[in-house]
Amino acid sequence: MNVVEVKKTRVGLVLAVNLLIFGLVVYAWFVMMFRMGDGTLSGTGLSSLRYYTVLSNLLEGLAALITVVFTVLILAGKASELPRWVTLLCYAGTTSVSLTFVTVMVYLGPVFGFNIMFNDANLYFHLLIPLFAIMEALFLSKEKLRFKDSFVATLPTLLYGVWYIINNLANGREGNDIYYLFYFGPAASVLFFIGFMAVAWGIALLLRLPRKAP
């Protein structure tokens, strides 16, 4: 295949993967909202939005949908590449769901059990969607990323962490400390938060490696 055909094939794969990611996010959120109210780390209706897992996957789903739109425009010859803001949104979404995946594998899985972490909607949110997003970021996406972009990629985690700490301090642990970060006290929760931010940044840097801007 020549260069043009290779590019079209890659763009076609990007389109297919992002359609898959968006479809899985919509399906999994529907399952969680209407059928998983009694599950661990899940909730019905809008209460599901208090979970980082759900928010990170919705962000990834939004990024995937927008990528689909612009990818179709590229294939139709109406655009030449993804706008930079879309690239950054995808970078942030992938970093966020990757943090979800790492947290499940290292922390939540051992604490609550992997059978629960990969049950029903959690199978998609905790495993499949993150893996598809990581695959796309490492092997299909070619848009260059600068070092400072890694900080942009951690912003969703920063915003969620600030909200989580303020919510627990203002309203108490009961019903709010869903990840048990305040179990050892407010000071320890801040240390946990710093740790999660460090991991998120580390993930962002790793995802940037194949696409480093010169």
C-alpha atoms as a PDB file:
ATOM      1  CA  MET A   1       0.000   0.000   0.000  1.00  0.00           C
ATOM      2  CA  ASN A   2       1.163   3.546  -0.695  1.00  0.00           C
ATOM      3  CA  VAL A   3       1.278   6.310   1.897  1.00  0.00           C
ATOM      4  CA  VAL A   4      -2.236   7.557   1.112  1.00  0.00           C
ATOM      5  CA  GLU A   5      -3.737   4.080   1.447  1.00  0.00           C
ATOM      6  CA  VAL A   6      -1.907   3.482   4.724  1.00  0.00           C
ATOM      7  CA  LYS A   7      -3.255   6.772   6.108  1.00  0.00           C
ATOM      8  CA  LYS A   8      -6.799   5.936   5.026  1.00  0.00           C
ATOM      9  CA  THR A   9      -6.528   2.513   6.647  1.00  0.00           C
ATOM     10  CA  ARG A  10      -5.296   4.033   9.903  1.00  0.00           C
ATOM     11  CA  VAL A  11      -8.024   6.675   9.881  1.00  0.00           C
ATOM     12  CA  GLY A  12     -10.598   3.952   9.202  1.00  0.00           C
ATOM     13  CA  LEU A  13      -9.333   1.986  12.200  1.00  0.00           C
ATOM     14  CA  VAL A  14      -9.494   5.139  14.345  1.00  0.00           C
ATOM     15  CA  LEU A  15     -13.103   5.582  13.251  1.00  0.00           C
ATOM     16  CA  ALA A  16     -13.988   1.963  14.066  1.00  0.00           C
ATOM     17  CA  VAL A  17     -12.318   1.974  17.490  1.00  0.00           C
ATOM     18  CA  ASN A  18     -13.925   5.260  18.508  1.00  0.00           C
ATOM     19  CA  LEU A  19     -17.352   4.087  17.367  1.00  0.00           C
ATOM     20  CA  LEU A  20     -16.815   0.986  19.499  1.00  0.00           C
ATOM     21  CA  ILE A  21     -15.689   3.006  22.523  1.00  0.00           C
ATOM     22  CA  PHE A  22     -18.643   5.380  22.265  1.00  0.00           C
ATOM     23  CA  GLY A  23     -21.093   2.499  21.898  1.00  0.00           C
ATOM     24  CA  LEU A  24     -19.640   0.654  24.902  1.00  0.00           C
ATOM     25  CA  VAL A  25     -19.759   3.795  27.076  1.00  0.00           C
ATOM     26  CA  VAL A  26     -23.415   4.431  26.220  1.00  0.00           C
ATOM     27  CA  TYR A  27     -24.346   0.796  26.810  1.00  0.00           C
ATOM     28  CA  ALA A  28     -22.427   0.458  30.087  1.00  0.00           C
ATOM     29  CA  TRP A  29     -23.836   3.700  31.511  1.00  0.00           C
ATOM     30  CA  PHE A  30     -27.341   2.591  30.568  1.00  0.00           C
ATOM     31  CA  VAL A  31     -26.778  -0.717  32.379  1.00  0.00           C
ATOM     32  CA  MET A  32     -25.420   1.037  35.462  1.00  0.00           C
ATOM     33  CA  MET A  33     -28.134   3.683  35.596  1.00  0.00           C
ATOM     34  CA  PHE A  34     -31.074   1.315  35.249  1.00  0.00           C
ATOM     35  CA  ARG A  35     -29.957  -2.116  36.406  1.00  0.00           C
ATOM     36  CA  MET A  36     -27.061  -1.866  38.864  1.00  0.00           C
ATOM     37  CA  GLY A  37     -28.286   0.216  41.796  1.00  0.00           C
ATOM     38  CA  ASP A  38     -27.233  -2.431  44.318  1.00  0.00           C
ATOM     39  CA  GLY A  39     -23.783  -3.073  42.874  1.00  0.00           C
ATOM     40  CA  THR A  40     -20.508  -2.131  44.509  1.00  0.00           C
ATOM     41  CA  LEU A  41     -19.183   1.231  43.334  1.00  0.00           C
ATOM     42  CA  SER A  42     -22.200   1.816  41.119  1.00  0.00           C
ATOM     43  CA  GLY A  43     -25.438   3.745  41.322  1.00  0.00           C
ATOM     44  CA  THR A  44     -28.681   4.314  39.524  1.00  0.00           C
ATOM     45  CA  GLY A  45     -29.646   7.521  37.785  1.00  0.00           C
ATOM     46  CA  LEU A  46     -27.544  10.616  38.182  1.00  0.00           C
ATOM     47  CA  SER A  47     -26.044   9.290  41.431  1.00  0.00           C
ATOM     48  CA  SER A  48     -23.655   7.318  39.215  1.00  0.00           C
ATOM     49  CA  LEU A  49     -21.982  10.613  38.327  1.00  0.00           C
ATOM     50  CA  ARG A  50     -20.265  10.802  41.712  1.00  0.00           C
ATOM     51  CA  TYR A  51     -17.899   8.007  40.674  1.00  0.00           C
ATOM     52  CA  TYR A  52     -14.599   8.827  39.004  1.00  0.00           C
ATOM     53  CA  THR A  53     -14.981   5.624  37.001  1.00  0.00           C
ATOM     54  CA  VAL A  54     -18.208   6.814  35.412  1.00  0.00           C
ATOM     55  CA  LEU A  55     -17.042  10.374  34.830  1.00  0.00           C
ATOM     56  CA  SER A  56     -13.756   9.271  33.276  1.00  0.00           C
ATOM     57  CA  ASN A  57     -15.555   6.897  30.928  1.00  0.00           C
ATOM     58  CA  LEU A  58     -18.129   9.517  29.970  1.00  0.00           C
ATOM     59  CA  LEU A  59     -15.271  11.879  29.167  1.00  0.00           C
ATOM     60  CA  GLU A  60     -13.681   9.178  27.027  1.00  0.00           C
ATOM     61  CA  GLY A  61     -17.031   8.528  25.356  1.00  0.00           C
ATOM     62  CA  LEU A  62     -17.459  12.227  24.557  1.00  0.00           C
ATOM     63  CA  ALA A  63     -13.937  12.366  23.146  1.00  0.00           C
ATOM     64  CA  ALA A  64     -14.646   9.277  21.057  1.00  0.00           C
ATOM     65  CA  LEU A  65     -17.870  10.758  19.665  1.00  0.00           C
ATOM     66  CA  ILE A  66     -16.170  14.013  18.671  1.00  0.00           C
ATOM     67  CA  THR A  67     -13.303  12.037  17.143  1.00  0.00           C
ATOM     68  CA  VAL A  68     -15.811  10.064  15.077  1.00  0.00           C
ATOM     69  CA  VAL A  69     -17.304  13.286  13.704  1.00  0.00           C
ATOM     70  CA  PHE A  70     -13.953  14.747  12.679  1.00  0.00           C
ATOM     71  CA  THR A  71     -12.675  11.408  11.370  1.00  0.00           C
ATOM     72  CA  VAL A  72     -15.666  11.195   9.050  1.00  0.00           C
ATOM     73  CA  LEU A  73     -14.860  14.719   7.853  1.00  0.00           C
ATOM     74  CA  ILE A  74     -11.261  13.674   7.210  1.00  0.00           C
ATOM     75  CA  LEU A  75     -12.346  10.623   5.217  1.00  0.00           C
ATOM     76  CA  ALA A  76     -14.752  12.819   3.246  1.00  0.00           C
ATOM     77  CA  GLY A  77     -11.974  15.278   2.459  1.00  0.00           C
ATOM     78  CA  LYS A  78     -13.586  18.066   4.489  1.00  0.00           C
ATOM     79  CA  ALA A  79     -10.764  18.212   7.039  1.00  0.00           C
ATOM     80  CA  SER A  80      -7.095  17.272   7.015  1.00  0.00           C
ATOM     81  CA  GLU A  81      -6.539  16.408  10.680  1.00  0.00           C
ATOM     82  CA  LEU A  82      -8.078  16.466  14.140  1.00  0.00           C
ATOM     83  CA  PRO A  83      -8.229  19.929  15.741  1.00  0.00           C
ATOM     84  CA  ARG A  84      -5.733  20.287  18.561  1.00  0.00           C
ATOM     85  CA  TRP A  85      -8.460  20.694  21.175  1.00  0.00           C
ATOM     86  CA  VAL A  86      -9.893  17.325  20.140  1.00  0.00           C
ATOM     87  CA  THR A  87      -6.451  15.732  20.467  1.00  0.00           C
ATOM     88  CA  LEU A  88      -6.115  17.154  23.993  1.00  0.00           C
ATOM     89  CA  LEU A  89      -9.623  16.016  24.934  1.00  0.00           C
ATOM     90  CA  CYS A  90      -8.802  12.493  23.764  1.00  0.00           C
ATOM     91  CA  TYR A  91      -5.505  12.614  25.664  1.00  0.00           C
ATOM     92  CA  ALA A  92      -7.317  13.637  28.856  1.00  0.00           C
ATOM     93  CA  GLY A  93     -10.000  10.987  28.367  1.00  0.00           C
ATOM     94  CA  THR A  94      -7.492   8.201  27.784  1.00  0.00           C
ATOM     95  CA  THR A  95      -5.375   9.289  30.753  1.00  0.00           C
ATOM     96  CA  SER A  96      -8.472   9.298  32.975  1.00  0.00           C
ATOM     97  CA  VAL A  97      -9.757   5.848  32.002  1.00  0.00           C
ATOM     98  CA  SER A  98      -6.199   4.506  32.221  1.00  0.00           C
ATOM     99  CA  LEU A  99      -6.054   5.746  35.815  1.00  0.00           C
ATOM    100  CA  THR A 100      -9.353   3.970  36.419  1.00  0.00           C
ATOM    101  CA  PHE A 101      -7.852   0.757  35.019  1.00  0.00           C
ATOM    102  CA  VAL A 102      -4.667   1.034  37.101  1.00  0.00           C
ATOM    103  CA  THR A 103      -6.644   1.872  40.263  1.00  0.00           C
ATOM    104  CA  VAL A 104      -8.848  -1.181  39.770  1.00  0.00           C
ATOM    105  CA  MET A 105      -5.909  -3.487  39.148  1.00  0.00           C
ATOM    106  CA  VAL A 106      -3.800  -2.197  42.045  1.00  0.00           C
ATOM    107  CA  TYR A 107      -6.303  -0.991  44.667  1.00  0.00           C
ATOM    108  CA  LEU A 108     -10.010  -1.648  44.133  1.00  0.00           C
ATOM    109  CA  GLY A 109      -9.652  -5.169  42.755  1.00  0.00           C
ATOM    110  CA  PRO A 110      -7.660  -6.487  45.715  1.00  0.00           C
ATOM    111  CA  VAL A 111      -9.952  -4.641  48.196  1.00  0.00           C
ATOM    112  CA  PHE A 112     -13.406  -5.450  46.761  1.00  0.00           C
ATOM    113  CA  GLY A 113     -12.613  -8.450  44.567  1.00  0.00           C
ATOM    114  CA  PHE A 114     -11.960  -8.601  40.831  1.00  0.00           C
ATOM    115  CA  ASN A 115     -15.195 -10.521  40.281  1.00  0.00           C
ATOM    116  CA  ILE A 116     -17.093  -7.413  41.413  1.00  0.00           C
ATOM    117  CA  MET A 117     -14.805  -4.982  39.605  1.00  0.00           C
ATOM    118  CA  PHE A 118     -15.396  -6.785  36.307  1.00  0.00           C
ATOM    119  CA  ASN A 119     -19.115  -7.476  36.776  1.00  0.00           C
ATOM    120  CA  ASP A 120     -21.795  -6.098  34.406  1.00  0.00           C
ATOM    121  CA  ALA A 121     -21.153  -2.415  33.562  1.00  0.00           C
ATOM    122  CA  ASN A 122     -17.894  -2.490  35.506  1.00  0.00           C
ATOM    123  CA  LEU A 123     -16.459  -4.909  32.946  1.00  0.00           C
ATOM    124  CA  TYR A 124     -16.731  -2.165  30.330  1.00  0.00           C
ATOM    125  CA  PHE A 125     -15.845   0.801  32.549  1.00  0.00           C
ATOM    126  CA  HIS A 126     -12.954  -0.847  34.368  1.00  0.00           C
ATOM    127  CA  LEU A 127     -11.432  -3.017  31.657  1.00  0.00           C
ATOM    128  CA  LEU A 128     -12.637  -3.000  28.048  1.00  0.00           C
ATOM    129  CA  ILE A 129     -13.067   0.732  27.404  1.00  0.00           C
ATOM    130  CA  PRO A 130      -9.720   1.640  29.027  1.00  0.00           C
ATOM    131  CA  LEU A 131      -7.919  -1.054  27.021  1.00  0.00           C
ATOM    132  CA  PHE A 132      -9.441   0.080  23.724  1.00  0.00           C
ATOM    133  CA  ALA A 133      -8.589   3.709  24.550  1.00  0.00           C
ATOM    134  CA  ILE A 134      -4.996   2.804  25.438  1.00  0.00           C
ATOM    135  CA  MET A 135      -4.638   0.738  22.263  1.00  0.00           C
ATOM    136  CA  GLU A 136      -5.807   3.647  20.141  1.00  0.00           C
ATOM    137  CA  ALA A 137      -3.543   6.140  21.900  1.00  0.00           C
ATOM    138  CA  LEU A 138      -0.432   3.977  21.559  1.00  0.00           C
ATOM    139  CA  PHE A 139      -0.875   2.417  18.119  1.00  0.00           C
ATOM    140  CA  LEU A 140      -3.344   4.441  16.031  1.00  0.00           C
ATOM    141  CA  SER A 141      -3.239   8.103  17.047  1.00  0.00           C
ATOM    142  CA  LYS A 142      -0.433  10.056  15.419  1.00  0.00           C
ATOM    143  CA  GLU A 143      -1.124  13.637  16.571  1.00  0.00           C
ATOM    144  CA  LYS A 144       1.939  14.986  18.409  1.00  0.00           C
ATOM    145  CA  LEU A 145       1.828  15.803  22.119  1.00  0.00           C
ATOM    146  CA  ARG A 146       3.972  18.345  23.922  1.00  0.00           C
ATOM    147  CA  PHE A 147       5.330  17.927  27.439  1.00  0.00           C
ATOM    148  CA  LYS A 148       2.989  20.602  28.805  1.00  0.00           C
ATOM    149  CA  ASP A 149       0.047  18.653  27.357  1.00  0.00           C
ATOM    150  CA  SER A 150       0.633  16.013  30.035  1.00  0.00           C
ATOM    151  CA  PHE A 151      -0.578  18.509  32.634  1.00  0.00           C
ATOM    152  CA  VAL A 152      -3.740  19.179  30.634  1.00  0.00           C
ATOM    153  CA  ALA A 153      -4.369  15.425  30.574  1.00  0.00           C
ATOM    154  CA  THR A 154      -4.464  15.324  34.394  1.00  0.00           C
ATOM    155  CA  LEU A 155      -6.946  18.185  34.810  1.00  0.00           C
ATOM    156  CA  PRO A 156     -10.053  15.930  35.055  1.00  0.00           C
ATOM    157  CA  THR A 157      -8.382  13.986  37.875  1.00  0.00           C
ATOM    158  CA  LEU A 158      -7.405  17.213  39.629  1.00  0.00           C
ATOM    159  CA  LEU A 159     -10.942  18.600  39.426  1.00  0.00           C
ATOM    160  CA  TYR A 160     -12.483  15.360  40.693  1.00  0.00           C
ATOM    161  CA  GLY A 161      -9.990  15.114  43.563  1.00  0.00           C
ATOM    162  CA  VAL A 162     -10.649  18.670  44.708  1.00  0.00           C
ATOM    163  CA  TRP A 163     -14.407  18.071  44.593  1.00  0.00           C
ATOM    164  CA  TYR A 164     -14.040  14.750  46.480  1.00  0.00           C
ATOM    165  CA  ILE A 165     -12.029  16.287  49.314  1.00  0.00           C
ATOM    166  CA  ILE A 166     -14.257  19.356  49.662  1.00  0.00           C
ATOM    167  CA  ASN A 167     -17.421  17.230  49.581  1.00  0.00           C
ATOM    168  CA  ASN A 168     -16.147  14.945  52.352  1.00  0.00           C
ATOM    169  CA  LEU A 169     -14.938  17.812  54.519  1.00  0.00           C
ATOM    170  CA  ALA A 170     -18.201  19.711  54.100  1.00  0.00           C
ATOM    171  CA  ASN A 171     -20.693  16.839  54.284  1.00  0.00           C
ATOM    172  CA  GLY A 172     -18.891  14.096  56.196  1.00  0.00           C
ATOM    173  CA  ARG A 173     -17.624  10.661  55.223  1.00  0.00           C
ATOM    174  CA  GLU A 174     -20.924   8.781  55.391  1.00  0.00           C
ATOM    175  CA  GLY A 175     -22.176   8.192  51.886  1.00  0.00           C
ATOM    176  CA  ASN A 176     -19.480  10.424  50.418  1.00  0.00           C
ATOM    177  CA  ASP A 177     -16.166   8.630  51.025  1.00  0.00           C
ATOM    178  CA  ILE A 178     -16.959   6.048  48.361  1.00  0.00           C
ATOM    179  CA  TYR A 179     -13.300   5.155  47.806  1.00  0.00           C
ATOM    180  CA  TYR A 180     -12.391   5.098  51.536  1.00  0.00           C
ATOM    181  CA  LEU A 181      -9.729   7.756  51.060  1.00  0.00           C
ATOM    182  CA  PHE A 182     -10.715   9.450  54.338  1.00  0.00           C
ATOM    183  CA  TYR A 183     -10.525   6.210  56.318  1.00  0.00           C
ATOM    184  CA  PHE A 184      -7.250   7.301  57.935  1.00  0.00           C
ATOM    185  CA  GLY A 185      -8.251  10.947  58.261  1.00  0.00           C
ATOM    186  CA  PRO A 186      -8.245  14.144  56.164  1.00  0.00           C
ATOM    187  CA  ALA A 187      -4.436  14.439  56.108  1.00  0.00           C
ATOM    188  CA  ALA A 188      -4.073  10.940  54.723  1.00  0.00           C
ATOM    189  CA  SER A 189      -6.735  11.673  52.105  1.00  0.00           C
ATOM    190  CA  VAL A 190      -4.614  14.559  50.803  1.00  0.00           C
ATOM    191  CA  LEU A 191      -1.633  12.216  50.545  1.00  0.00           C
ATOM    192  CA  PHE A 192      -3.775   9.714  48.647  1.00  0.00           C
ATOM    193  CA  PHE A 193      -4.887  12.511  46.338  1.00  0.00           C
ATOM    194  CA  ILE A 194      -1.297  13.557  45.660  1.00  0.00           C
ATOM    195  CA  GLY A 195      -0.462   9.932  44.958  1.00  0.00           C
ATOM    196  CA  PHE A 196      -3.303   9.563  42.461  1.00  0.00           C
ATOM    197  CA  MET A 197      -2.264  12.794  40.750  1.00  0.00           C
ATOM    198  CA  ALA A 198       1.293  11.508  40.454  1.00  0.00           C
ATOM    199  CA  VAL A 199       0.062   8.256  38.936  1.00  0.00           C
ATOM    200  CA  ALA A 200      -2.205  10.138  36.517  1.00  0.00           C
ATOM    201  CA  TRP A 201       0.713  12.301  35.395  1.00  0.00           C
ATOM    202  CA  GLY A 202       2.929   9.247  35.024  1.00  0.00           C
ATOM    203  CA  ILE A 203       0.279   7.618  32.837  1.00  0.00           C
ATOM    204  CA  ALA A 204       0.001  10.770  30.734  1.00  0.00           C
ATOM    205  CA  LEU A 205       3.755  10.770  30.185  1.00  0.00           C
ATOM    206  CA  LEU A 206       3.731   7.112  29.166  1.00  0.00           C
ATOM    207  CA  LEU A 207       0.866   7.651  26.726  1.00  0.00           C
ATOM    208  CA  ARG A 208       2.825  10.535  25.214  1.00  0.00           C
ATOM    209  CA  LEU A 209       5.950   8.494  24.476  1.00  0.00           C
ATOM    210  CA  PRO A 210       4.994   7.299  20.953  1.00  0.00           C
ATOM    211  CA  ARG A 211       3.731  10.769  20.016  1.00  0.00           C
ATOM    212  CA  LYS A 212       6.293  13.161  21.504  1.00  0.00           C
ATOM    213  CA  ALA A 213       6.469  16.495  19.742  1.00  0.00           C
ATOM    214  CA  PRO A 214       9.988  17.345  18.528  1.00  0.00           C
END
